[in-house]
PDB file of all heavy atoms in Angstrom:
ATOM      1  N   GLN A   1       9.818   8.287 -19.089  1.00  0.00           N
ATOM      2  CA  GLN A   1       9.937   6.839 -19.123  1.00  0.00           C
ATOM      3  C   GLN A   1       8.558   6.200 -19.292  1.00  0.00           C
ATOM      4  O   GLN A   1       7.581   6.718 -18.772  1.00  0.00           O
ATOM      5  CB  GLN A   1      10.592   6.316 -17.830  1.00  0.00           C
ATOM      6  CG  GLN A   1      11.973   6.853 -17.613  1.00  0.00           C
ATOM      7  CD  GLN A   1      12.605   6.352 -16.323  1.00  0.00           C
ATOM      8  OE1 GLN A   1      12.369   5.209 -15.954  1.00  0.00           O
ATOM      9  NE2 GLN A   1      13.362   7.152 -15.614  1.00  0.00           N
ATOM     10  N   ARG A   2       8.554   5.056 -19.933  1.00  0.00           N
ATOM     11  CA  ARG A   2       7.285   4.374 -20.173  1.00  0.00           C
ATOM     12  C   ARG A   2       6.999   3.395 -19.024  1.00  0.00           C
ATOM     13  O   ARG A   2       7.883   2.709 -18.585  1.00  0.00           O
ATOM     14  CB  ARG A   2       7.323   3.622 -21.530  1.00  0.00           C
ATOM     15  CG  ARG A   2       5.955   3.101 -21.898  1.00  0.00           C
ATOM     16  CD  ARG A   2       6.019   2.374 -23.244  1.00  0.00           C
ATOM     17  NE  ARG A   2       4.684   2.030 -23.744  1.00  0.00           N
ATOM     18  CZ  ARG A   2       4.466   1.276 -24.794  1.00  0.00           C
ATOM     19  NH1 ARG A   2       5.484   0.806 -25.470  1.00  0.00           N
ATOM     20  NH2 ARG A   2       3.260   1.074 -25.196  1.00  0.00           N
ATOM     21  N   ARG A   3       5.724   3.351 -18.576  1.00  0.00           N
ATOM     22  CA  ARG A   3       5.399   2.421 -17.499  1.00  0.00           C
ATOM     23  C   ARG A   3       5.322   1.019 -18.076  1.00  0.00           C
ATOM     24  O   ARG A   3       4.713   0.770 -19.114  1.00  0.00           O
ATOM     25  CB  ARG A   3       4.012   2.813 -16.920  1.00  0.00           C
ATOM     26  CG  ARG A   3       3.511   1.850 -15.819  1.00  0.00           C
ATOM     27  CD  ARG A   3       2.118   2.221 -15.416  1.00  0.00           C
ATOM     28  NE  ARG A   3       2.081   3.513 -14.775  1.00  0.00           N
ATOM     29  CZ  ARG A   3       2.348   3.704 -13.492  1.00  0.00           C
ATOM     30  NH1 ARG A   3       2.642   2.699 -12.751  1.00  0.00           N
ATOM     31  NH2 ARG A   3       2.234   4.922 -12.971  1.00  0.00           N
ATOM     32  N   MET A   4       5.979   0.069 -17.369  1.00  0.00           N
ATOM     33  CA  MET A   4       6.009  -1.284 -17.809  1.00  0.00           C
ATOM     34  C   MET A   4       5.143  -2.182 -16.952  1.00  0.00           C
ATOM     35  O   MET A   4       4.717  -3.274 -17.390  1.00  0.00           O
ATOM     36  CB  MET A   4       7.429  -1.824 -17.829  1.00  0.00           C
ATOM     37  CG  MET A   4       8.346  -1.017 -18.727  1.00  0.00           C
ATOM     38  SD  MET A   4       7.743  -0.866 -20.449  1.00  0.00           S
ATOM     39  CE  MET A   4       7.793  -2.585 -20.964  1.00  0.00           C
ATOM     40  N   GLN A   5       4.902  -1.813 -15.702  1.00  0.00           N
ATOM     41  CA  GLN A   5       4.064  -2.648 -14.788  1.00  0.00           C
ATOM     42  C   GLN A   5       3.498  -1.799 -13.683  1.00  0.00           C
ATOM     43  O   GLN A   5       3.951  -0.666 -13.398  1.00  0.00           O
ATOM     44  CB  GLN A   5       4.836  -3.865 -14.269  1.00  0.00           C
ATOM     45  CG  GLN A   5       5.985  -3.485 -13.374  1.00  0.00           C
ATOM     46  CD  GLN A   5       6.705  -4.728 -12.840  1.00  0.00           C
ATOM     47  OE1 GLN A   5       7.222  -4.723 -11.718  1.00  0.00           O
ATOM     48  NE2 GLN A   5       6.649  -5.861 -13.577  1.00  0.00           N
ATOM     49  N   PHE A   6       2.531  -2.347 -12.988  1.00  0.00           N
ATOM     50  CA  PHE A   6       1.895  -1.672 -11.840  1.00  0.00           C
ATOM     51  C   PHE A   6       1.594  -2.765 -10.811  1.00  0.00           C
ATOM     52  O   PHE A   6       1.027  -3.790 -11.149  1.00  0.00           O
ATOM     53  CB  PHE A   6       0.595  -0.952 -12.232  1.00  0.00           C
ATOM     54  CG  PHE A   6      -0.052  -0.254 -11.085  1.00  0.00           C
ATOM     55  CD1 PHE A   6       0.339   0.990 -10.675  1.00  0.00           C
ATOM     56  CD2 PHE A   6      -1.089  -0.874 -10.391  1.00  0.00           C
ATOM     57  CE1 PHE A   6      -0.297   1.653  -9.665  1.00  0.00           C
ATOM     58  CE2 PHE A   6      -1.709  -0.237  -9.322  1.00  0.00           C
ATOM     59  CZ  PHE A   6      -1.330   1.038  -8.922  1.00  0.00           C
ATOM     60  N   ASP A   7       1.925  -2.481  -9.566  1.00  0.00           N
ATOM     61  CA  ASP A   7       1.668  -3.438  -8.448  1.00  0.00           C
ATOM     62  C   ASP A   7       0.487  -2.918  -7.642  1.00  0.00           C
ATOM     63  O   ASP A   7       0.659  -1.977  -6.848  1.00  0.00           O
ATOM     64  CB  ASP A   7       2.916  -3.564  -7.575  1.00  0.00           C
ATOM     65  CG  ASP A   7       2.795  -4.664  -6.553  1.00  0.00           C
ATOM     66  OD1 ASP A   7       1.651  -5.225  -6.436  1.00  0.00           O
ATOM     67  OD2 ASP A   7       3.775  -4.958  -5.865  1.00  0.00           O
ATOM     68  N   PRO A   8      -0.666  -3.493  -7.770  1.00  0.00           N
ATOM     69  CA  PRO A   8      -1.827  -3.014  -6.993  1.00  0.00           C
ATOM     70  C   PRO A   8      -1.742  -3.344  -5.543  1.00  0.00           C
ATOM     71  O   PRO A   8      -2.551  -2.882  -4.748  1.00  0.00           O
ATOM     72  CB  PRO A   8      -3.021  -3.775  -7.656  1.00  0.00           C
ATOM     73  CG  PRO A   8      -2.416  -5.017  -8.217  1.00  0.00           C
ATOM     74  CD  PRO A   8      -1.044  -4.600  -8.680  1.00  0.00           C
ATOM     75  N   ARG A   9      -0.735  -4.192  -5.126  1.00  0.00           N
ATOM     76  CA  ARG A   9      -0.599  -4.515  -3.701  1.00  0.00           C
ATOM     77  C   ARG A   9       0.302  -3.588  -2.970  1.00  0.00           C
ATOM     78  O   ARG A   9       0.524  -3.746  -1.787  1.00  0.00           O
ATOM     79  CB  ARG A   9      -0.041  -5.957  -3.631  1.00  0.00           C
ATOM     80  CG  ARG A   9      -0.803  -6.977  -4.395  1.00  0.00           C
ATOM     81  CD  ARG A   9       0.016  -8.253  -4.567  1.00  0.00           C
ATOM     82  NE  ARG A   9       1.256  -7.931  -5.313  1.00  0.00           N
ATOM     83  CZ  ARG A   9       2.260  -8.777  -5.402  1.00  0.00           C
ATOM     84  NH1 ARG A   9       2.254  -9.901  -4.762  1.00  0.00           N
ATOM     85  NH2 ARG A   9       3.361  -8.441  -6.044  1.00  0.00           N
ATOM     86  N   SER A  10       0.835  -2.539  -3.657  1.00  0.00           N
ATOM     87  CA  SER A  10       1.925  -1.782  -3.054  1.00  0.00           C
ATOM     88  C   SER A  10       1.538  -1.103  -1.739  1.00  0.00           C
ATOM     89  O   SER A  10       2.258  -1.183  -0.787  1.00  0.00           O
ATOM     90  CB  SER A  10       2.354  -0.705  -4.090  1.00  0.00           C
ATOM     91  OG  SER A  10       2.824  -1.338  -5.258  1.00  0.00           O
ATOM     92  N   ARG A  11       0.388  -0.447  -1.706  1.00  0.00           N
ATOM     93  CA  ARG A  11       0.030   0.285  -0.500  1.00  0.00           C
ATOM     94  C   ARG A  11      -0.171  -0.680   0.660  1.00  0.00           C
ATOM     95  O   ARG A  11       0.275  -0.408   1.760  1.00  0.00           O
ATOM     96  CB  ARG A  11      -1.271   1.088  -0.746  1.00  0.00           C
ATOM     97  CG  ARG A  11      -1.681   2.007   0.419  1.00  0.00           C
ATOM     98  CD  ARG A  11      -2.745   1.387   1.300  1.00  0.00           C
ATOM     99  NE  ARG A  11      -4.061   1.703   0.828  1.00  0.00           N
ATOM    100  CZ  ARG A  11      -5.153   1.393   1.525  1.00  0.00           C
ATOM    101  NH1 ARG A  11      -5.093   0.811   2.682  1.00  0.00           N
ATOM    102  NH2 ARG A  11      -6.332   1.633   1.022  1.00  0.00           N
ATOM    103  N   HIS A  12      -0.854  -1.798   0.395  1.00  0.00           N
ATOM    104  CA  HIS A  12      -1.101  -2.787   1.437  1.00  0.00           C
ATOM    105  C   HIS A  12       0.229  -3.341   1.999  1.00  0.00           C
ATOM    106  O   HIS A  12       0.356  -3.595   3.191  1.00  0.00           O
ATOM    107  CB  HIS A  12      -2.003  -3.903   0.960  1.00  0.00           C
ATOM    108  CG  HIS A  12      -3.305  -3.412   0.433  1.00  0.00           C
ATOM    109  ND1 HIS A  12      -4.335  -3.104   1.284  1.00  0.00           N
ATOM    110  CD2 HIS A  12      -3.771  -3.101  -0.799  1.00  0.00           C
ATOM    111  CE1 HIS A  12      -5.380  -2.688   0.634  1.00  0.00           C
ATOM    112  NE2 HIS A  12      -5.079  -2.671  -0.653  1.00  0.00           N
ATOM    113  N   THR A  13       1.217  -3.523   1.124  1.00  0.00           N
ATOM    114  CA  THR A  13       2.513  -4.032   1.602  1.00  0.00           C
ATOM    115  C   THR A  13       3.156  -3.044   2.537  1.00  0.00           C
ATOM    116  O   THR A  13       3.722  -3.420   3.575  1.00  0.00           O
ATOM    117  CB  THR A  13       3.441  -4.230   0.396  1.00  0.00           C
ATOM    118  OG1 THR A  13       2.820  -5.152  -0.522  1.00  0.00           O
ATOM    119  CG2 THR A  13       4.760  -4.816   0.849  1.00  0.00           C
ATOM    120  N   VAL A  14       3.063  -1.734   2.244  1.00  0.00           N
ATOM    121  CA  VAL A  14       3.697  -0.713   3.063  1.00  0.00           C
ATOM    122  C   VAL A  14       3.042  -0.704   4.450  1.00  0.00           C
ATOM    123  O   VAL A  14       3.714  -0.735   5.478  1.00  0.00           O
ATOM    124  CB  VAL A  14       3.572   0.680   2.421  1.00  0.00           C
ATOM    125  CG1 VAL A  14       4.021   1.740   3.337  1.00  0.00           C
ATOM    126  CG2 VAL A  14       4.439   0.680   1.150  1.00  0.00           C
ATOM    127  N   VAL A  15       1.727  -0.589   4.505  1.00  0.00           N
ATOM    128  CA  VAL A  15       1.075  -0.340   5.767  1.00  0.00           C
ATOM    129  C   VAL A  15       1.084  -1.587   6.687  1.00  0.00           C
ATOM    130  O   VAL A  15       1.131  -1.498   7.880  1.00  0.00           O
ATOM    131  CB  VAL A  15      -0.376   0.133   5.616  1.00  0.00           C
ATOM    132  CG1 VAL A  15      -0.414   1.487   4.905  1.00  0.00           C
ATOM    133  CG2 VAL A  15      -1.222  -0.867   4.863  1.00  0.00           C
ATOM    134  N   ASP A  16       1.046  -2.788   6.122  1.00  0.00           N
ATOM    135  CA  ASP A  16       0.993  -3.994   6.899  1.00  0.00           C
ATOM    136  C   ASP A  16       2.262  -4.179   7.714  1.00  0.00           C
ATOM    137  O   ASP A  16       2.273  -4.701   8.827  1.00  0.00           O
ATOM    138  CB  ASP A  16       0.751  -5.233   6.014  1.00  0.00           C
ATOM    139  CG  ASP A  16      -0.705  -5.279   5.503  1.00  0.00           C
ATOM    140  OD1 ASP A  16      -1.532  -4.510   6.007  1.00  0.00           O
ATOM    141  OD2 ASP A  16      -0.924  -6.004   4.580  1.00  0.00           O
ATOM    142  N   ILE A  17       3.355  -3.734   7.097  1.00  0.00           N
ATOM    143  CA  ILE A  17       4.686  -3.892   7.804  1.00  0.00           C
ATOM    144  C   ILE A  17       4.816  -2.990   8.973  1.00  0.00           C
ATOM    145  O   ILE A  17       5.320  -3.365  10.029  1.00  0.00           O
ATOM    146  CB  ILE A  17       5.825  -3.655   6.759  1.00  0.00           C
ATOM    147  CG1 ILE A  17       5.802  -4.763   5.718  1.00  0.00           C
ATOM    148  CG2 ILE A  17       7.166  -3.594   7.487  1.00  0.00           C
ATOM    149  CD1 ILE A  17       6.848  -4.580   4.623  1.00  0.00           C
ATOM    150  N   GLU A  18       4.300  -1.806   8.842  1.00  0.00           N
ATOM    151  CA  GLU A  18       4.551  -0.777   9.886  1.00  0.00           C
ATOM    152  C   GLU A  18       3.555  -0.724  11.018  1.00  0.00           C
ATOM    153  O   GLU A  18       3.880  -0.579  12.151  1.00  0.00           O
ATOM    154  CB  GLU A  18       4.563   0.593   9.220  1.00  0.00           C
ATOM    155  CG  GLU A  18       5.719   0.722   8.211  1.00  0.00           C
ATOM    156  CD  GLU A  18       5.720   2.044   7.533  1.00  0.00           C
ATOM    157  OE1 GLU A  18       4.650   2.712   7.597  1.00  0.00           O
ATOM    158  OE2 GLU A  18       6.715   2.410   6.939  1.00  0.00           O
ATOM    159  N   ASP A  19       2.275  -0.968  10.716  1.00  0.00           N
ATOM    160  CA  ASP A  19       1.233  -0.803  11.753  1.00  0.00           C
ATOM    161  C   ASP A  19       0.015  -1.599  11.307  1.00  0.00           C
ATOM    162  O   ASP A  19      -0.575  -1.331  10.273  1.00  0.00           O
ATOM    163  CB  ASP A  19       0.965   0.665  11.890  1.00  0.00           C
ATOM    164  CG  ASP A  19      -0.142   0.888  12.996  1.00  0.00           C
ATOM    165  OD1 ASP A  19      -0.574  -0.095  13.599  1.00  0.00           O
ATOM    166  OD2 ASP A  19      -0.500   2.080  13.230  1.00  0.00           O
ATOM    167  N   PRO A  20      -0.406  -2.587  12.083  1.00  0.00           N
ATOM    168  CA  PRO A  20      -1.566  -3.387  11.703  1.00  0.00           C
ATOM    169  C   PRO A  20      -2.857  -2.536  11.540  1.00  0.00           C
ATOM    170  O   PRO A  20      -3.716  -2.891  10.758  1.00  0.00           O
ATOM    171  CB  PRO A  20      -1.748  -4.346  12.901  1.00  0.00           C
ATOM    172  CG  PRO A  20      -0.366  -4.382  13.539  1.00  0.00           C
ATOM    173  CD  PRO A  20       0.166  -3.015  13.359  1.00  0.00           C
ATOM    174  N   ASP A  21      -2.933  -1.396  12.237  1.00  0.00           N
ATOM    175  CA  ASP A  21      -4.151  -0.600  12.138  1.00  0.00           C
ATOM    176  C   ASP A  21      -4.001   0.556  11.127  1.00  0.00           C
ATOM    177  O   ASP A  21      -4.940   1.344  10.945  1.00  0.00           O
ATOM    178  CB  ASP A  21      -4.477   0.024  13.521  1.00  0.00           C
ATOM    179  CG  ASP A  21      -4.713  -1.027  14.557  1.00  0.00           C
ATOM    180  OD1 ASP A  21      -5.333  -2.096  14.189  1.00  0.00           O
ATOM    181  OD2 ASP A  21      -4.335  -0.817  15.729  1.00  0.00           O
ATOM    182  N   ALA A  22      -2.860   0.614  10.478  1.00  0.00           N
ATOM    183  CA  ALA A  22      -2.594   1.746   9.582  1.00  0.00           C
ATOM    184  C   ALA A  22      -3.597   1.797   8.440  1.00  0.00           C
ATOM    185  O   ALA A  22      -3.985   2.857   8.006  1.00  0.00           O
ATOM    186  CB  ALA A  22      -1.152   1.722   9.080  1.00  0.00           C
ATOM    187  N   GLU A  23      -3.971   0.616   7.905  1.00  0.00           N
ATOM    188  CA  GLU A  23      -4.836   0.587   6.763  1.00  0.00           C
ATOM    189  C   GLU A  23      -6.205   1.145   7.106  1.00  0.00           C
ATOM    190  O   GLU A  23      -6.764   1.892   6.261  1.00  0.00           O
ATOM    191  CB  GLU A  23      -4.906  -0.811   6.230  1.00  0.00           C
ATOM    192  CG  GLU A  23      -5.667  -0.942   4.911  1.00  0.00           C
ATOM    193  CD  GLU A  23      -5.505  -2.271   4.261  1.00  0.00           C
ATOM    194  OE1 GLU A  23      -4.645  -3.059   4.638  1.00  0.00           O
ATOM    195  OE2 GLU A  23      -6.308  -2.576   3.342  1.00  0.00           O
ATOM    196  N   ASP A  24      -6.721   0.891   8.270  1.00  0.00           N
ATOM    197  CA  ASP A  24      -7.983   1.502   8.637  1.00  0.00           C
ATOM    198  C   ASP A  24      -7.885   2.974   8.752  1.00  0.00           C
ATOM    199  O   ASP A  24      -8.831   3.713   8.382  1.00  0.00           O
ATOM    200  CB  ASP A  24      -8.444   0.890   9.996  1.00  0.00           C
ATOM    201  CG  ASP A  24      -8.792  -0.606   9.889  1.00  0.00           C
ATOM    202  OD1 ASP A  24      -9.107  -1.049   8.735  1.00  0.00           O
ATOM    203  OD2 ASP A  24      -8.696  -1.319  10.898  1.00  0.00           O
ATOM    204  N   ASN A  25      -6.730   3.488   9.254  1.00  0.00           N
ATOM    205  CA  ASN A  25      -6.569   4.930   9.407  1.00  0.00           C
ATOM    206  C   ASN A  25      -6.508   5.582   8.026  1.00  0.00           C
ATOM    207  O   ASN A  25      -7.028   6.671   7.814  1.00  0.00           O
ATOM    208  CB  ASN A  25      -5.268   5.219  10.167  1.00  0.00           C
ATOM    209  CG  ASN A  25      -5.345   4.715  11.577  1.00  0.00           C
ATOM    210  OD1 ASN A  25      -6.410   4.594  12.193  1.00  0.00           O
ATOM    211  ND2 ASN A  25      -4.170   4.423  12.192  1.00  0.00           N
ATOM    212  N   ILE A  26      -5.853   4.913   7.056  1.00  0.00           N
ATOM    213  CA  ILE A  26      -5.757   5.465   5.717  1.00  0.00           C
ATOM    214  C   ILE A  26      -7.132   5.500   5.058  1.00  0.00           C
ATOM    215  O   ILE A  26      -7.506   6.470   4.401  1.00  0.00           O
ATOM    216  CB  ILE A  26      -4.792   4.583   4.871  1.00  0.00           C
ATOM    217  CG1 ILE A  26      -3.363   4.769   5.367  1.00  0.00           C
ATOM    218  CG2 ILE A  26      -4.898   4.937   3.361  1.00  0.00           C
ATOM    219  CD1 ILE A  26      -2.353   3.859   4.657  1.00  0.00           C
ATOM    220  N   ASP A  27      -7.928   4.462   5.237  1.00  0.00           N
ATOM    221  CA  ASP A  27      -9.288   4.472   4.702  1.00  0.00           C
ATOM    222  C   ASP A  27     -10.090   5.611   5.221  1.00  0.00           C
ATOM    223  O   ASP A  27     -10.825   6.253   4.485  1.00  0.00           O
ATOM    224  CB  ASP A  27      -9.972   3.134   5.053  1.00  0.00           C
ATOM    225  CG  ASP A  27      -9.388   1.954   4.291  1.00  0.00           C
ATOM    226  OD1 ASP A  27      -8.655   2.179   3.335  1.00  0.00           O
ATOM    227  OD2 ASP A  27      -9.714   0.818   4.652  1.00  0.00           O
ATOM    228  N   ASP A  28      -9.974   5.916   6.512  1.00  0.00           N
ATOM    229  CA  ASP A  28     -10.691   7.058   7.069  1.00  0.00           C
ATOM    230  C   ASP A  28     -10.271   8.373   6.439  1.00  0.00           C
ATOM    231  O   ASP A  28     -11.039   9.263   6.191  1.00  0.00           O
ATOM    232  CB  ASP A  28     -10.496   7.110   8.588  1.00  0.00           C
ATOM    233  CG  ASP A  28     -11.163   5.900   9.301  1.00  0.00           C
ATOM    234  OD1 ASP A  28     -12.087   5.340   8.710  1.00  0.00           O
ATOM    235  OD2 ASP A  28     -10.736   5.578  10.430  1.00  0.00           O
TER     236      ASP A  28
END
């Protein structure tokens, strides 16, 4: 299948919902 779009906010949307500190842990 051909890619039609990309959402650069996807990862931030996932981690913000589940754990406020998750993004810092991912960065590490």
